Amino acid sequence: MRPRTPEEYVDLVEQALFEIEELRASAEYDMEEMGEALGFVDELEAGVRALLESMRDGSYRFADEDLPFMRLIEPVHESLLPFKSLLKLINDTHRQGLDTGD
């Protein structure tokens, strides 16, 4: 379910950043198992941080197009990106707007 308020939407993006930081820590700890995850983590983090910054500075706009980080995560299996559904929810909200119950 998409967030209903701008605050809920910001919370989702902040949660995604936390998950990305956790993924980075896991990948760095276990390079043999998860080292391939590091290939996209930097770019993913930069994209989510840019999204959050645009929300904070007031320049963010909903649009019926995918967020730039979606091209990074589409080919990544959920086993490497366990919060992929969270990123998809953020993208769905970006494309469809907040869930106002209409």
Protein backbone atom coordinates (compact mmCIF):
# COMPACT_ATOMS: atom_id res chain seq x y z
CA MET A 1 0.00 0.00 0.00
CA ARG A 2 1.36 3.40 -0.98
CA PRO A 3 1.95 5.99 1.74
CA ARG A 4 -0.84 8.46 2.41
CA THR A 5 1.16 11.48 3.50
CA PRO A 6 4.40 13.16 2.41
CA GLU A 7 5.84 12.29 5.83
CA GLU A 8 5.11 8.58 5.31
CA TYR A 9 6.75 8.78 1.89
CA VAL A 10 9.88 10.43 3.32
CA ASP A 11 9.96 7.73 6.02
CA LEU A 12 9.99 5.04 3.31
CA VAL A 13 12.93 6.69 1.56
CA GLU A 14 14.80 7.04 4.86
CA GLN A 15 14.11 3.37 5.59
CA ALA A 16 15.51 2.46 2.16
CA LEU A 17 18.70 4.40 2.92
CA PHE A 18 19.05 2.51 6.19
CA GLU A 19 18.61 -0.79 4.34
CA ILE A 20 21.21 0.23 1.76
CA GLU A 21 23.69 1.01 4.54
CA GLU A 22 22.99 -2.40 6.09
CA LEU A 23 23.49 -4.08 2.72
CA ARG A 24 26.82 -2.31 2.31
CA ALA A 25 27.94 -3.41 5.77
CA SER A 26 26.94 -7.01 5.04
CA ALA A 27 28.65 -7.01 1.67
CA GLU A 28 31.84 -5.56 3.13
CA TYR A 29 31.80 -8.10 5.96
CA ASP A 30 31.21 -11.07 3.70
CA MET A 31 32.96 -10.15 0.45
CA GLU A 32 33.02 -13.74 -0.78
CA GLU A 33 29.25 -14.25 -0.54
CA MET A 34 27.97 -10.74 -1.23
CA GLY A 35 30.82 -8.96 -2.94
CA GLU A 36 28.86 -8.73 -6.17
CA ALA A 37 26.29 -6.59 -4.34
CA LEU A 38 28.82 -3.81 -3.99
CA GLY A 39 28.74 -3.22 -7.72
CA PHE A 40 25.44 -1.35 -7.61
CA VAL A 41 25.24 -0.22 -3.97
CA ASP A 42 27.12 3.06 -4.46
CA GLU A 43 24.95 4.14 -7.36
CA LEU A 44 21.77 2.97 -5.63
CA GLU A 45 22.67 4.89 -2.49
CA ALA A 46 23.44 8.03 -4.49
CA GLY A 47 20.09 7.81 -6.27
CA VAL A 48 18.08 7.31 -3.08
CA ARG A 49 20.00 10.10 -1.32
CA ALA A 50 19.29 12.44 -4.24
CA LEU A 51 15.60 11.56 -4.01
CA LEU A 52 15.55 12.29 -0.28
CA GLU A 53 17.41 15.57 -0.78
CA SER A 54 14.91 16.69 -3.41
CA MET A 55 12.09 15.91 -0.96
CA ARG A 56 13.78 17.96 1.74
CA ASP A 57 14.64 20.96 -0.44
CA GLY A 58 11.19 21.09 -2.03
CA SER A 59 12.26 20.31 -5.59
CA TYR A 60 10.74 16.79 -5.66
CA ARG A 61 7.86 16.18 -8.08
CA PHE A 62 5.82 13.04 -8.65
CA ALA A 63 6.02 11.85 -12.27
CA ASP A 64 4.70 8.94 -14.27
CA GLU A 65 8.19 7.59 -14.97
CA ASP A 66 10.52 5.30 -13.10
CA LEU A 67 13.01 6.71 -10.65
CA PRO A 68 16.57 6.43 -12.01
CA PHE A 69 17.59 3.71 -9.54
CA MET A 70 15.00 1.30 -10.90
CA ARG A 71 17.26 0.37 -13.84
CA LEU A 72 19.84 -0.75 -11.26
CA ILE A 73 17.59 -2.94 -9.18
CA GLU A 74 15.46 -4.65 -11.84
CA PRO A 75 18.08 -7.31 -12.69
CA VAL A 76 19.08 -7.89 -9.05
CA HIS A 77 17.59 -10.93 -7.34
CA GLU A 78 15.80 -10.49 -4.00
CA SER A 79 18.41 -12.68 -2.33
CA LEU A 80 20.96 -9.90 -2.91
CA LEU A 81 18.45 -7.09 -2.41
CA PRO A 82 15.98 -8.20 0.27
CA PHE A 83 14.35 -4.76 0.40
CA LYS A 84 13.66 -4.63 -3.34
CA SER A 85 9.91 -4.48 -2.65
CA LEU A 86 10.48 -1.32 -0.57
CA LEU A 87 12.28 0.32 -3.49
CA LYS A 88 9.47 -0.75 -5.82
CA LEU A 89 6.92 0.78 -3.43
CA ILE A 90 8.86 4.05 -3.44
CA ASN A 91 8.90 3.97 -7.25
CA ASP A 92 5.18 3.13 -7.43
CA THR A 93 4.44 6.07 -5.15
CA HIS A 94 6.59 8.32 -7.32
CA ARG A 95 4.65 7.23 -10.40
CA GLN A 96 1.13 7.15 -8.93
CA GLY A 97 1.30 9.70 -6.12
CA LEU A 98 0.24 9.33 -2.53
CA ASP A 99 -2.65 7.02 -1.64
CA THR A 100 -5.34 9.57 -0.89
CA GLY A 101 -8.08 6.96 -0.86
CA ASP A 102 -9.75 8.30 -4.00
